[in-house]
N, C-alpha and C. Protein backbone atom coordinates (compact mmCIF):
# COMPACT_ATOMS: atom_id res chain seq x y z
N MET A 1 -27.30 -3.28 42.54
CA MET A 1 -27.32 -3.42 41.20
C MET A 1 -27.18 -3.35 39.45
N LYS A 2 -27.66 -1.87 39.55
CA LYS A 2 -28.13 -0.91 38.40
C LYS A 2 -26.13 -0.13 38.46
N ASN A 3 -25.74 0.33 39.43
CA ASN A 3 -24.41 0.56 39.03
C ASN A 3 -23.70 -0.43 38.25
N LEU A 4 -23.80 -1.90 39.09
CA LEU A 4 -23.11 -2.69 38.67
C LEU A 4 -23.49 -2.93 36.72
N PHE A 5 -24.35 -2.54 36.58
CA PHE A 5 -24.56 -3.02 35.11
C PHE A 5 -24.83 -1.83 34.22
N LYS A 6 -23.63 -0.90 34.58
CA LYS A 6 -23.64 0.47 34.36
C LYS A 6 -22.43 0.66 33.86
N ILE A 7 -21.41 -0.27 35.01
CA ILE A 7 -20.01 -0.43 35.07
C ILE A 7 -19.64 -1.67 33.65
N PHE A 8 -20.74 -2.66 33.68
CA PHE A 8 -20.17 -3.52 33.10
C PHE A 8 -20.92 -3.31 31.94
N LEU A 9 -21.37 -2.31 31.25
CA LEU A 9 -21.72 -1.83 30.08
C LEU A 9 -20.97 -0.97 29.76
N SER A 10 -20.09 -0.16 30.19
CA SER A 10 -19.31 0.85 30.10
C SER A 10 -17.52 0.05 29.48
N ILE A 11 -17.35 -1.40 30.32
CA ILE A 11 -16.48 -1.65 29.82
C ILE A 11 -16.47 -2.63 28.87
N SER A 12 -17.97 -3.15 28.75
CA SER A 12 -17.82 -4.30 27.46
C SER A 12 -17.73 -3.05 26.23
N THR A 13 -18.35 -1.97 26.18
CA THR A 13 -18.26 -1.00 24.94
C THR A 13 -16.89 -0.49 24.69
N PHE A 14 -16.20 -0.42 25.16
CA PHE A 14 -14.61 -0.44 25.86
C PHE A 14 -14.11 -1.89 25.04
N VAL A 15 -14.60 -2.74 25.39
CA VAL A 15 -13.80 -3.82 24.54
C VAL A 15 -13.92 -3.89 23.40
N PHE A 16 -15.87 -3.83 22.98
CA PHE A 16 -15.91 -3.62 21.73
C PHE A 16 -14.87 -2.45 20.48
N VAL A 17 -15.04 -1.73 21.08
CA VAL A 17 -14.75 -0.17 20.38
C VAL A 17 -13.15 -0.23 19.88
N LEU A 18 -12.45 -0.78 21.36
CA LEU A 18 -10.65 -0.85 21.63
C LEU A 18 -10.60 -1.13 19.60
N PRO A 19 -10.66 -2.36 19.64
CA PRO A 19 -10.45 -3.09 18.20
C PRO A 19 -10.60 -2.45 17.32
N LEU A 20 -12.08 -1.84 17.08
CA LEU A 20 -12.28 -0.96 16.00
C LEU A 20 -10.96 0.36 15.65
N ILE A 21 -10.61 0.75 17.32
CA ILE A 21 -9.80 2.13 16.91
C ILE A 21 -8.30 1.31 17.02
N LEU A 22 -7.66 0.43 16.82
CA LEU A 22 -6.61 0.24 16.55
C LEU A 22 -6.33 -0.46 15.53
N ASN A 23 -7.26 -1.52 14.77
CA ASN A 23 -7.14 -1.92 13.62
C ASN A 23 -7.30 -1.00 12.04
N VAL A 24 -6.06 -0.37 12.33
CA VAL A 24 -6.11 0.73 11.61
C VAL A 24 -5.53 -0.39 9.92
N GLU A 25 -6.60 -0.09 8.92
CA GLU A 25 -5.97 -0.36 7.84
C GLU A 25 -5.71 0.27 6.49
N ALA A 26 -4.62 0.23 5.62
CA ALA A 26 -4.62 1.32 4.91
C ALA A 26 -4.39 0.28 3.23
N ALA A 27 -4.94 1.67 2.17
CA ALA A 27 -4.81 0.40 0.91
C ALA A 27 -3.30 0.96 0.45
N SER A 28 -2.74 0.16 -0.27
CA SER A 28 -1.46 0.30 -0.74
C SER A 28 -0.80 -1.02 -2.14
N LEU A 29 0.14 -0.82 -2.04
CA LEU A 29 1.06 -1.49 -3.72
C LEU A 29 1.98 -1.92 -3.14
N ASN A 30 2.18 -3.02 -3.90
CA ASN A 30 3.44 -3.91 -3.20
C ASN A 30 3.86 -4.95 -4.28
N PHE A 31 4.96 -5.39 -4.45
CA PHE A 31 5.74 -6.45 -5.24
C PHE A 31 5.99 -7.95 -4.43
N ASP A 32 5.98 -8.81 -5.46
CA ASP A 32 5.58 -9.61 -4.74
C ASP A 32 6.91 -10.45 -4.14
N LYS A 33 7.82 -9.69 -4.49
CA LYS A 33 9.26 -10.20 -3.63
C LYS A 33 10.25 -8.55 -3.40
N THR A 34 10.49 -9.24 -2.28
CA THR A 34 11.41 -7.81 -1.53
C THR A 34 12.93 -7.78 -1.75
N THR A 35 14.06 -8.81 -2.87
CA THR A 35 14.97 -8.67 -3.24
C THR A 35 15.26 -9.87 -4.16
N VAL A 36 15.85 -9.34 -5.10
CA VAL A 36 15.90 -10.25 -6.70
C VAL A 36 17.66 -9.52 -6.80
N SER A 37 18.06 -10.68 -7.09
CA SER A 37 19.55 -11.31 -7.42
C SER A 37 19.31 -11.29 -9.25
N VAL A 38 19.89 -10.56 -10.24
CA VAL A 38 20.10 -11.41 -11.55
C VAL A 38 21.60 -11.39 -12.37
N ALA A 39 21.82 -12.00 -13.09
CA ALA A 39 23.16 -12.01 -13.93
C ALA A 39 23.12 -10.35 -14.98
N ASN A 40 24.28 -10.35 -14.87
CA ASN A 40 24.09 -8.98 -16.18
C ASN A 40 23.21 -9.51 -17.12
N SER A 41 22.64 -8.98 -18.42
CA SER A 41 22.32 -9.26 -19.19
C SER A 41 20.89 -10.28 -18.90
N GLY A 42 20.48 -10.95 -17.88
CA GLY A 42 19.70 -12.39 -17.53
C GLY A 42 18.62 -11.15 -17.05
N THR A 43 17.23 -11.63 -17.21
CA THR A 43 16.22 -11.10 -16.96
C THR A 43 15.26 -11.60 -15.32
N PHE A 44 14.52 -11.07 -15.04
CA PHE A 44 13.56 -11.56 -14.03
C PHE A 44 12.36 -10.73 -14.20
N GLN A 45 11.65 -11.97 -13.00
CA GLN A 45 9.95 -11.06 -13.30
C GLN A 45 9.60 -11.09 -11.74
N ILE A 46 8.96 -9.79 -11.78
CA ILE A 46 8.13 -9.26 -10.33
C ILE A 46 6.51 -8.84 -10.60
N SER A 47 5.91 -9.09 -9.86
CA SER A 47 4.63 -9.12 -9.81
C SER A 47 3.84 -7.86 -8.54
N VAL A 48 3.48 -7.28 -9.50
CA VAL A 48 2.65 -5.76 -8.39
C VAL A 48 1.53 -5.95 -8.24
N THR A 49 0.76 -6.42 -6.61
CA THR A 49 -0.17 -6.10 -6.41
C THR A 49 -0.49 -4.89 -5.51
N VAL A 50 -1.79 -4.87 -5.15
CA VAL A 50 -2.64 -3.64 -4.92
C VAL A 50 -3.18 -4.36 -3.34
N ASP A 51 -3.23 -3.79 -2.38
CA ASP A 51 -4.31 -4.17 -1.39
C ASP A 51 -5.16 -3.01 -1.25
N PRO A 52 -6.44 -3.00 -1.70
CA PRO A 52 -7.57 -1.89 -0.62
C PRO A 52 -7.80 -1.83 0.53
N ALA A 53 -6.92 -3.22 0.90
CA ALA A 53 -7.92 -2.99 2.76
C ALA A 53 -9.11 -3.36 2.91
N GLY A 54 -9.78 -3.69 2.06
CA GLY A 54 -11.33 -3.98 2.04
C GLY A 54 -12.83 -2.84 1.81
N GLU A 55 -11.67 -2.22 0.76
CA GLU A 55 -12.18 -1.21 0.86
C GLU A 55 -12.61 -1.00 -1.16
N GLY A 56 -14.00 -0.79 -1.53
CA GLY A 56 -14.65 -0.91 -3.25
C GLY A 56 -13.44 -0.23 -3.62
N MET A 57 -12.95 -0.50 -4.83
CA MET A 57 -11.84 0.29 -5.71
C MET A 57 -12.41 0.15 -7.04
N ASN A 58 -12.29 1.22 -8.16
CA ASN A 58 -12.87 0.64 -9.04
C ASN A 58 -11.71 0.41 -10.54
N GLY A 59 -10.28 1.26 -9.53
CA GLY A 59 -9.03 0.73 -10.40
C GLY A 59 -7.41 1.36 -10.14
N THR A 60 -6.91 0.99 -10.66
CA THR A 60 -5.51 1.68 -9.63
C THR A 60 -4.53 2.54 -10.60
N ASP A 61 -3.92 3.38 -10.64
CA ASP A 61 -2.79 3.89 -11.53
C ASP A 61 -1.86 3.06 -10.69
N VAL A 62 -0.64 2.49 -11.56
CA VAL A 62 1.13 2.34 -10.41
C VAL A 62 1.77 2.49 -11.25
N TYR A 63 2.53 3.29 -10.99
CA TYR A 63 3.85 4.03 -11.30
C TYR A 63 5.08 3.48 -10.79
N VAL A 64 5.73 2.43 -11.24
CA VAL A 64 7.41 2.17 -10.94
C VAL A 64 8.60 2.76 -11.58
N SER A 65 9.39 3.16 -10.27
CA SER A 65 10.92 3.79 -10.94
C SER A 65 11.98 2.87 -10.37
N TYR A 66 12.60 3.06 -11.04
CA TYR A 66 14.00 2.16 -10.98
C TYR A 66 15.21 3.41 -11.73
N ASP A 67 16.31 2.30 -11.13
CA ASP A 67 17.34 3.42 -12.31
C ASP A 67 17.77 2.43 -13.43
N ALA A 68 17.29 3.20 -14.56
CA ALA A 68 17.21 2.93 -16.08
C ALA A 68 19.24 2.67 -16.67
N SER A 69 19.85 2.94 -15.77
CA SER A 69 21.35 2.87 -16.17
C SER A 69 21.72 1.31 -15.84
N VAL A 70 20.95 0.53 -14.88
CA VAL A 70 21.45 -0.24 -14.35
C VAL A 70 19.89 -1.75 -14.69
N LEU A 71 18.70 -1.40 -15.00
CA LEU A 71 17.40 -2.31 -15.47
C LEU A 71 17.01 -1.79 -16.80
N LYS A 72 16.57 -2.77 -17.40
CA LYS A 72 15.74 -1.95 -18.51
C LYS A 72 14.10 -3.33 -18.20
N ALA A 73 13.13 -2.21 -18.70
CA ALA A 73 11.61 -2.98 -18.58
C ALA A 73 11.96 -3.58 -19.92
N THR A 74 11.57 -4.47 -20.27
CA THR A 74 11.10 -5.45 -21.57
C THR A 74 9.41 -5.99 -21.73
N ALA A 75 9.07 -6.40 -20.61
CA ALA A 75 7.76 -6.28 -20.89
C ALA A 75 6.73 -7.09 -19.65
N VAL A 76 4.90 -6.72 -19.56
CA VAL A 76 4.56 -6.65 -18.89
C VAL A 76 3.06 -7.71 -19.32
N SER A 77 2.72 -8.34 -18.56
CA SER A 77 1.91 -9.16 -18.85
C SER A 77 0.51 -8.82 -17.56
N ALA A 78 -0.42 -9.22 -17.87
CA ALA A 78 -1.75 -8.53 -16.84
C ALA A 78 -2.18 -9.47 -15.81
N GLY A 79 -2.13 -9.33 -15.20
CA GLY A 79 -2.88 -10.37 -13.77
C GLY A 79 -4.22 -10.24 -13.94
N SER A 80 -4.57 -10.82 -12.94
CA SER A 80 -5.68 -11.85 -12.87
C SER A 80 -7.34 -10.59 -12.40
N LEU A 81 -6.80 -9.97 -11.39
CA LEU A 81 -7.36 -9.24 -10.78
C LEU A 81 -8.42 -8.13 -11.35
N PHE A 82 -7.21 -7.66 -11.93
CA PHE A 82 -8.74 -6.70 -12.98
C PHE A 82 -9.10 -7.15 -14.58
N PRO A 83 -10.47 -6.90 -14.78
CA PRO A 83 -10.75 -7.45 -16.12
C PRO A 83 -9.75 -6.42 -17.34
N TYR A 84 -9.83 -5.15 -16.73
CA TYR A 84 -8.92 -4.29 -18.52
C TYR A 84 -7.22 -4.04 -17.49
N VAL A 85 -6.68 -4.70 -18.37
CA VAL A 85 -5.11 -4.19 -17.60
C VAL A 85 -4.09 -2.75 -18.97
N PHE A 86 -3.47 -1.95 -18.46
CA PHE A 86 -3.18 -0.98 -19.36
C PHE A 86 -1.44 -1.07 -19.39
N ASN A 87 -0.51 -1.12 -19.83
CA ASN A 87 1.19 -0.68 -19.36
C ASN A 87 1.35 -0.04 -20.38
N ASP A 88 2.78 1.08 -19.90
CA ASP A 88 3.52 1.85 -21.07
C ASP A 88 4.75 1.58 -19.80
N ILE A 89 5.72 1.25 -21.26
CA ILE A 89 7.01 1.05 -20.93
C ILE A 89 8.32 1.81 -21.45
N ALA A 90 7.56 2.42 -22.36
CA ALA A 90 8.81 3.85 -23.85
C ALA A 90 9.09 4.66 -23.10
N THR A 91 9.28 5.06 -21.62
CA THR A 91 9.83 5.81 -20.28
C THR A 91 10.71 4.96 -19.54
N SER A 92 11.94 5.32 -19.96
CA SER A 92 13.12 5.17 -19.18
C SER A 92 12.94 4.95 -17.76
N GLY A 93 13.40 3.97 -16.65
CA GLY A 93 13.33 4.26 -15.69
C GLY A 93 11.72 4.50 -15.58
N LYS A 94 10.85 4.32 -15.56
CA LYS A 94 9.71 4.03 -14.95
C LYS A 94 8.83 3.53 -16.00
N VAL A 95 7.79 2.50 -15.06
CA VAL A 95 6.99 1.71 -15.93
C VAL A 95 5.52 1.76 -15.26
N TYR A 96 4.38 2.90 -16.22
CA TYR A 96 2.89 2.76 -15.75
C TYR A 96 1.82 1.19 -16.20
N ILE A 97 1.29 1.04 -14.94
CA ILE A 97 0.24 -0.14 -15.69
C ILE A 97 -1.11 0.52 -14.76
N ALA A 98 -1.82 0.22 -15.72
CA ALA A 98 -3.37 0.89 -15.16
C ALA A 98 -4.20 -0.63 -15.27
N GLY A 99 -5.05 0.03 -13.97
CA GLY A 99 -5.68 -1.92 -13.76
C GLY A 99 -7.09 -1.03 -13.95
N THR A 100 -8.31 -1.81 -14.34
CA THR A 100 -9.44 -0.96 -14.03
C THR A 100 -10.92 -1.83 -14.09
N VAL A 101 -12.30 -1.72 -13.86
CA VAL A 101 -13.18 -2.32 -13.89
C VAL A 101 -13.85 -2.04 -15.30
N THR A 102 -14.47 -3.18 -16.06
CA THR A 102 -15.28 -2.43 -17.67
C THR A 102 -16.16 -1.69 -16.64
N ASP A 103 -17.27 -2.37 -15.41
CA ASP A 103 -18.56 -1.78 -14.98
C ASP A 103 -18.22 -1.60 -14.31
N PRO A 104 -18.47 0.10 -13.42
CA PRO A 104 -18.50 0.93 -12.92
C PRO A 104 -19.17 0.16 -11.11
N ALA A 105 -20.23 -0.52 -11.81
CA ALA A 105 -20.71 -0.69 -10.32
C ALA A 105 -20.39 -1.89 -10.18
N SER A 106 -19.43 -2.99 -10.57
CA SER A 106 -18.83 -3.56 -9.73
C SER A 106 -17.63 -3.03 -9.18
N SER A 107 -17.62 -2.82 -8.21
CA SER A 107 -15.73 -2.83 -7.38
C SER A 107 -15.71 -4.19 -7.14
N ILE A 108 -14.00 -3.84 -6.67
CA ILE A 108 -13.30 -5.04 -6.48
C ILE A 108 -12.91 -4.39 -5.25
N SER A 109 -12.71 -4.82 -4.34
CA SER A 109 -12.26 -5.26 -2.55
C SER A 109 -11.56 -5.85 -2.32
N THR A 110 -10.91 -6.72 -2.88
CA THR A 110 -9.97 -8.09 -2.71
C THR A 110 -8.44 -7.80 -3.02
N SER A 111 -7.91 -8.24 -2.19
CA SER A 111 -6.31 -7.78 -2.97
C SER A 111 -5.97 -9.26 -4.21
N GLY A 112 -4.97 -8.59 -4.98
CA GLY A 112 -4.72 -9.51 -6.14
C GLY A 112 -3.01 -9.10 -6.78
N THR A 113 -3.30 -9.23 -8.16
CA THR A 113 -1.80 -9.17 -8.72
C THR A 113 -2.76 -8.36 -10.45
N VAL A 114 -1.82 -7.18 -10.05
CA VAL A 114 -2.46 -5.99 -11.40
C VAL A 114 -1.57 -6.84 -12.65
N ALA A 115 -0.64 -6.72 -12.10
CA ALA A 115 0.43 -7.42 -13.09
C ALA A 115 1.75 -7.96 -13.02
N THR A 116 2.34 -8.28 -14.10
CA THR A 116 4.25 -9.12 -14.08
C THR A 116 4.70 -8.28 -14.86
N ILE A 117 5.68 -7.81 -14.45
CA ILE A 117 6.78 -7.07 -15.12
C ILE A 117 7.94 -7.62 -15.11
N THR A 118 8.69 -8.30 -16.60
CA THR A 118 9.81 -8.57 -17.24
C THR A 118 11.08 -7.66 -17.11
N PHE A 119 11.85 -7.26 -16.26
CA PHE A 119 13.34 -6.37 -16.26
C PHE A 119 14.25 -7.31 -17.06
N GLN A 120 15.57 -6.82 -17.12
CA GLN A 120 16.56 -7.73 -17.92
C GLN A 120 18.08 -6.72 -17.20
N GLY A 121 18.79 -7.31 -16.69
CA GLY A 121 19.90 -6.80 -16.19
C GLY A 121 20.77 -5.77 -17.25
N LEU A 122 21.34 -4.44 -17.01
CA LEU A 122 21.84 -4.06 -17.84
C LEU A 122 23.54 -3.97 -17.43
N LYS A 123 23.80 -3.76 -16.49
CA LYS A 123 25.06 -3.29 -16.12
C LYS A 123 25.50 -3.89 -14.45
N ASP A 124 26.51 -4.88 -13.69
CA ASP A 124 26.49 -4.47 -12.57
C ASP A 124 26.32 -3.29 -11.85
N GLY A 125 25.41 -3.12 -10.89
CA GLY A 125 24.84 -2.62 -10.16
C GLY A 125 23.50 -3.08 -9.22
N THR A 126 23.24 -1.61 -8.73
CA THR A 126 22.08 -1.87 -7.29
C THR A 126 21.05 -1.08 -7.66
N THR A 127 19.87 -1.36 -7.69
CA THR A 127 19.11 -0.13 -7.73
C THR A 127 17.68 -0.40 -6.34
N THR A 128 16.47 0.21 -6.37
CA THR A 128 15.32 -0.20 -5.79
C THR A 128 13.99 0.14 -7.06
N LEU A 129 13.48 -1.00 -6.92
CA LEU A 129 12.18 -0.94 -7.56
C LEU A 129 11.03 -0.03 -6.69
N SER A 130 10.64 1.14 -6.86
CA SER A 130 9.69 1.65 -5.42
C SER A 130 8.89 1.80 -6.48
N PHE A 131 7.34 2.57 -5.39
CA PHE A 131 6.27 3.23 -6.36
C PHE A 131 6.04 4.58 -6.23
N ASP A 132 5.84 5.39 -7.23
CA ASP A 132 5.93 6.77 -7.26
C ASP A 132 4.87 7.66 -6.99
N CYS A 133 5.07 7.78 -5.48
CA CYS A 133 3.54 7.95 -5.24
C CYS A 133 2.93 9.64 -5.23
N SER A 134 3.71 9.94 -6.01
CA SER A 134 2.87 11.46 -6.80
C SER A 134 1.79 11.35 -8.08
N THR A 135 1.90 9.72 -8.39
CA THR A 135 1.36 9.93 -9.58
C THR A 135 0.22 8.60 -9.09
N SER A 136 0.92 7.29 -8.51
CA SER A 136 -0.11 6.47 -8.10
C SER A 136 -0.66 6.22 -7.61
N LYS A 137 -1.95 6.09 -8.11
CA LYS A 137 -2.87 5.94 -7.33
C LYS A 137 -4.43 4.34 -7.03
N ILE A 138 -5.08 4.28 -5.62
CA ILE A 138 -5.77 3.78 -5.77
C ILE A 138 -6.97 4.28 -5.58
N VAL A 139 -7.82 3.82 -6.69
CA VAL A 139 -9.36 4.84 -6.67
C VAL A 139 -10.36 4.03 -6.12
N LYS A 140 -10.82 4.92 -5.31
CA LYS A 140 -12.30 4.25 -4.73
C LYS A 140 -13.39 4.49 -5.35
N ASP A 141 -14.54 3.08 -5.07
CA ASP A 141 -15.72 3.05 -5.96
C ASP A 141 -16.70 4.22 -5.06
N ASP A 142 -16.08 5.94 -5.03
CA ASP A 142 -17.31 6.58 -4.88
C ASP A 142 -17.61 7.62 -5.58
N THR A 143 -18.44 8.71 -5.86
CA THR A 143 -18.84 9.47 -7.05
C THR A 143 -17.37 10.45 -7.10
N GLN A 144 -16.28 10.32 -5.86
CA GLN A 144 -15.11 11.59 -6.27
C GLN A 144 -14.02 10.85 -6.42
N ALA A 145 -13.75 9.46 -6.70
CA ALA A 145 -13.09 9.03 -7.27
C ALA A 145 -11.42 9.07 -6.30
N THR A 146 -12.33 8.67 -4.84
CA THR A 146 -11.08 9.13 -4.16
C THR A 146 -9.76 8.18 -4.63
N ASN A 147 -8.61 8.88 -4.27
CA ASN A 147 -7.11 8.02 -3.72
C ASN A 147 -7.66 7.79 -3.00
N ILE A 148 -7.49 5.88 -2.47
CA ILE A 148 -6.80 5.48 -1.45
C ILE A 148 -6.13 4.62 -0.89
N LEU A 149 -4.90 5.16 -1.87
CA LEU A 149 -3.61 5.05 -1.30
C LEU A 149 -2.58 5.60 0.08
N ASN A 150 -2.00 4.69 0.76
CA ASN A 150 -1.33 5.70 1.70
C ASN A 150 -0.04 4.50 1.57
N CYS A 151 0.74 6.08 0.96
CA CYS A 151 2.47 5.16 0.67
C CYS A 151 2.73 5.10 1.64
N SER A 152 3.11 5.00 2.84
CA SER A 152 3.99 4.56 3.95
C SER A 152 3.68 2.57 3.81
N GLN A 153 2.72 2.42 3.39
CA GLN A 153 2.00 0.95 3.48
C GLN A 153 2.87 0.15 2.02
N ASN A 154 3.43 0.69 1.27
CA ASN A 154 3.54 0.62 0.08
C ASN A 154 5.01 -0.34 0.48
N GLY A 155 5.60 -1.49 -0.67
CA GLY A 155 6.31 -2.27 -0.48
C GLY A 155 7.54 -1.48 -1.70
N SER A 156 8.25 -2.05 -1.42
CA SER A 156 9.57 -1.90 -2.43
C SER A 156 10.40 -3.46 -2.99
N CYS A 157 11.38 -3.12 -3.50
CA CYS A 157 12.41 -4.31 -4.12
C CYS A 157 13.55 -3.54 -4.04
N ALA A 158 14.68 -4.41 -3.66
CA ALA A 158 16.56 -4.63 -3.61
C ALA A 158 16.49 -5.20 -4.85
N VAL A 159 17.47 -4.19 -6.01
CA VAL A 159 17.66 -5.33 -6.65
C VAL A 159 19.12 -5.56 -7.30
N THR A 160 19.62 -6.54 -7.70
CA THR A 160 21.39 -6.65 -7.69
C THR A 160 21.36 -7.30 -8.95
N VAL A 161 22.08 -6.58 -9.98
CA VAL A 161 22.54 -6.86 -10.89
C VAL A 161 24.38 -7.56 -11.24
N GLY A 162 24.18 -8.43 -11.03
CA GLY A 162 25.92 -9.31 -11.02
C GLY A 162 26.00 -8.67 -9.35
N SER A 163 27.45 -8.58 -9.61
CA SER A 163 27.86 -7.92 -8.73
C SER A 163 27.66 -7.50 -8.00
N GLY A 164 27.22 -6.58 -8.43
CA GLY A 164 26.39 -4.97 -7.59
C GLY A 164 27.51 -4.01 -8.03
N GLY A 165 28.10 -3.42 -6.78
CA GLY A 165 29.25 -2.35 -7.09
C GLY A 165 29.02 -1.06 -6.83
N GLY A 166 27.82 -1.01 -7.01
CA GLY A 166 27.30 0.32 -6.21
C GLY A 166 25.85 0.41 -5.40
N THR A 167 25.46 1.70 -4.83
CA THR A 167 23.97 1.39 -4.43
C THR A 167 23.70 3.16 -4.84
N ASN A 168 22.22 2.47 -5.23
CA ASN A 168 21.47 3.50 -5.99
C ASN A 168 20.35 4.06 -4.73
N PRO A 169 20.16 5.41 -4.63
CA PRO A 169 19.14 5.68 -2.97
C PRO A 169 17.88 5.39 -4.09
N THR A 170 17.09 4.97 -2.91
CA THR A 170 15.74 4.50 -3.23
C THR A 170 15.29 6.04 -3.66
N PRO A 171 13.81 5.63 -5.10
CA PRO A 171 13.41 6.69 -5.30
C PRO A 171 12.88 7.47 -4.54
N THR A 172 12.40 8.39 -3.96
CA THR A 172 11.50 9.59 -3.07
C THR A 172 10.39 9.47 -3.37
N PRO A 173 9.60 8.76 -2.57
CA PRO A 173 8.26 9.31 -3.07
C PRO A 173 7.69 11.19 -2.70
N GLY A 174 7.23 10.83 -3.97
CA GLY A 174 5.84 12.45 -4.07
C GLY A 174 5.06 12.21 -2.90
N SER A 175 4.49 13.40 -2.45
CA SER A 175 3.82 13.93 -2.00
C SER A 175 2.42 14.33 -2.28
N GLY A 176 1.79 14.44 -3.80
CA GLY A 176 0.64 14.86 -4.07
C GLY A 176 0.15 13.47 -3.97
N GLY A 177 -1.24 13.98 -3.73
CA GLY A 177 -2.44 12.86 -3.83
C GLY A 177 -1.84 11.73 -3.03
N GLN A 178 -2.07 11.63 -2.04
CA GLN A 178 -1.69 10.67 -1.02
C GLN A 178 -2.34 11.08 0.63
N LEU A 179 -2.54 10.06 1.12
CA LEU A 179 -3.58 9.86 2.36
C LEU A 179 -1.84 10.34 3.51
N PRO A 180 -3.00 10.77 4.32
CA PRO A 180 -1.70 10.76 5.95
C PRO A 180 -1.42 9.27 5.78
N THR A 181 0.19 9.60 6.11
CA THR A 181 1.14 8.23 6.79
C THR A 181 0.08 7.73 7.71
N SER A 182 0.01 6.58 8.08
CA SER A 182 -0.08 5.88 9.27
C SER A 182 0.50 6.02 10.37
N GLY A 183 1.80 6.26 10.31
CA GLY A 183 2.71 7.00 10.92
C GLY A 183 2.31 7.97 11.80
N VAL A 184 1.56 8.88 11.19
CA VAL A 184 0.25 10.30 12.17
C VAL A 184 -0.86 9.28 12.71
N ILE A 185 -1.51 8.18 12.05
CA ILE A 185 -1.93 7.81 13.11
C ILE A 185 -1.82 6.99 13.74
N ASP A 186 -1.31 5.86 14.07
CA ASP A 186 -0.50 5.32 15.12
C ASP A 186 -0.29 6.48 16.37
N ASN A 187 0.38 8.18 15.88
CA ASN A 187 0.80 8.97 16.86
C ASN A 187 -0.82 9.20 17.34
N VAL A 188 -1.59 9.45 17.16
CA VAL A 188 -2.95 9.67 17.34
C VAL A 188 -3.49 8.57 18.06
N ILE A 189 -3.36 7.15 17.91
CA ILE A 189 -4.04 6.07 18.29
C ILE A 189 -3.66 6.41 20.27
N LYS A 190 -1.40 6.49 19.82
CA LYS A 190 -0.74 5.92 20.94
C LYS A 190 -1.12 7.19 22.30
N PHE A 191 -1.89 8.49 22.11
CA PHE A 191 -2.40 9.22 23.15
C PHE A 191 -3.41 8.88 23.39
N ALA A 192 -4.78 8.77 22.16
CA ALA A 192 -5.68 8.41 22.22
C ALA A 192 -6.36 7.56 23.59
N VAL A 193 -5.62 6.66 22.99
CA VAL A 193 -6.32 5.02 23.71
C VAL A 193 -6.14 5.10 25.30
N PRO A 194 -4.91 5.89 25.50
CA PRO A 194 -4.81 5.94 27.38
C PRO A 194 -6.09 6.86 27.84
N GLY A 195 -6.35 8.22 26.66
CA GLY A 195 -7.40 8.77 27.85
C GLY A 195 -8.45 7.91 27.50
N VAL A 196 -8.90 6.96 26.29
CA VAL A 196 -10.04 6.61 26.67
C VAL A 196 -10.01 5.57 27.68
N ILE A 197 -8.97 4.86 28.25
CA ILE A 197 -8.92 3.98 29.06
C ILE A 197 -9.29 4.73 30.41
N LEU A 198 -8.72 5.83 31.08
CA LEU A 198 -9.24 7.13 31.95
C LEU A 198 -10.00 7.21 32.06
N LEU A 199 -10.75 7.97 30.78
CA LEU A 199 -12.26 8.36 30.91
C LEU A 199 -13.10 6.97 31.25
N ILE A 200 -13.51 5.79 30.67
CA ILE A 200 -13.83 4.51 30.82
C ILE A 200 -13.80 4.52 32.16
N LEU A 201 -12.43 4.48 33.17
CA LEU A 201 -12.32 3.92 34.60
C LEU A 201 -13.06 4.89 35.39
N GLY A 202 -12.98 6.51 35.23
CA GLY A 202 -13.64 7.43 35.68
C GLY A 202 -14.92 7.35 35.87
N SER A 203 -15.29 6.97 34.79
CA SER A 203 -16.87 6.80 34.63
C SER A 203 -17.42 5.97 35.82
N ALA A 204 -16.71 4.96 35.45
CA ALA A 204 -16.71 3.22 36.36
C ALA A 204 -16.78 4.13 37.81
N LEU A 205 -15.63 4.66 37.98
CA LEU A 205 -15.49 4.93 39.48
C LEU A 205 -16.69 5.58 39.99
N ARG A 206 -16.91 6.90 39.54
CA ARG A 206 -17.73 7.93 39.51
C ARG A 206 -19.22 7.07 39.89
N LEU A 207 -19.44 5.98 39.34
CA LEU A 207 -20.70 4.83 39.44
C LEU A 207 -21.03 4.40 40.70
N VAL A 208 -19.71 3.79 41.23
CA VAL A 208 -19.66 3.04 42.30
C VAL A 208 -19.82 4.03 43.68
N LEU A 209 -18.89 5.02 43.44
CA LEU A 209 -19.01 5.89 44.26
C LEU A 209 -19.86 6.89 44.90
């Protein structure tokens, strides 16, 4: 009976711990659209969203990159997630948006819209809206102001203006100021989970034998 209890305890521990190992989330930036088609000289709006993956955050720095020969950012309106939102569209090919709390003691742990950008098509062509991870950040509510942005989880949006007529490569995210990609974590889990299973089964068999 004592051995059976130990086996039950080992299996129960495995059942409760495994979901915690597999349920790996990562803070990310995204758009509310993945594709957009717009007429030459026409305009469209796209929202920038942030997901802190349950972590408390005090703010975010968002840099959106695009082909300035195909699109032009004409306006940015604040979203409802942060009480203070600042933007800068003066630099061609890039939109900067900052969202922050007004009280450092009041962090935000829910996802939501940081801002909505209005773009205008300049000529027939294609481009990709993407986040520059060498400068973009999601700032955790801690004393180190840790950047918890996981660039591999960020979204992008493919934009076609008019008839298209060309494909511009997606801007490559930078390597600075980012956490390891979830692909690395996935590989660790892929090899670690079978080892955990074998360890628990081996322990259970030793108790029985």
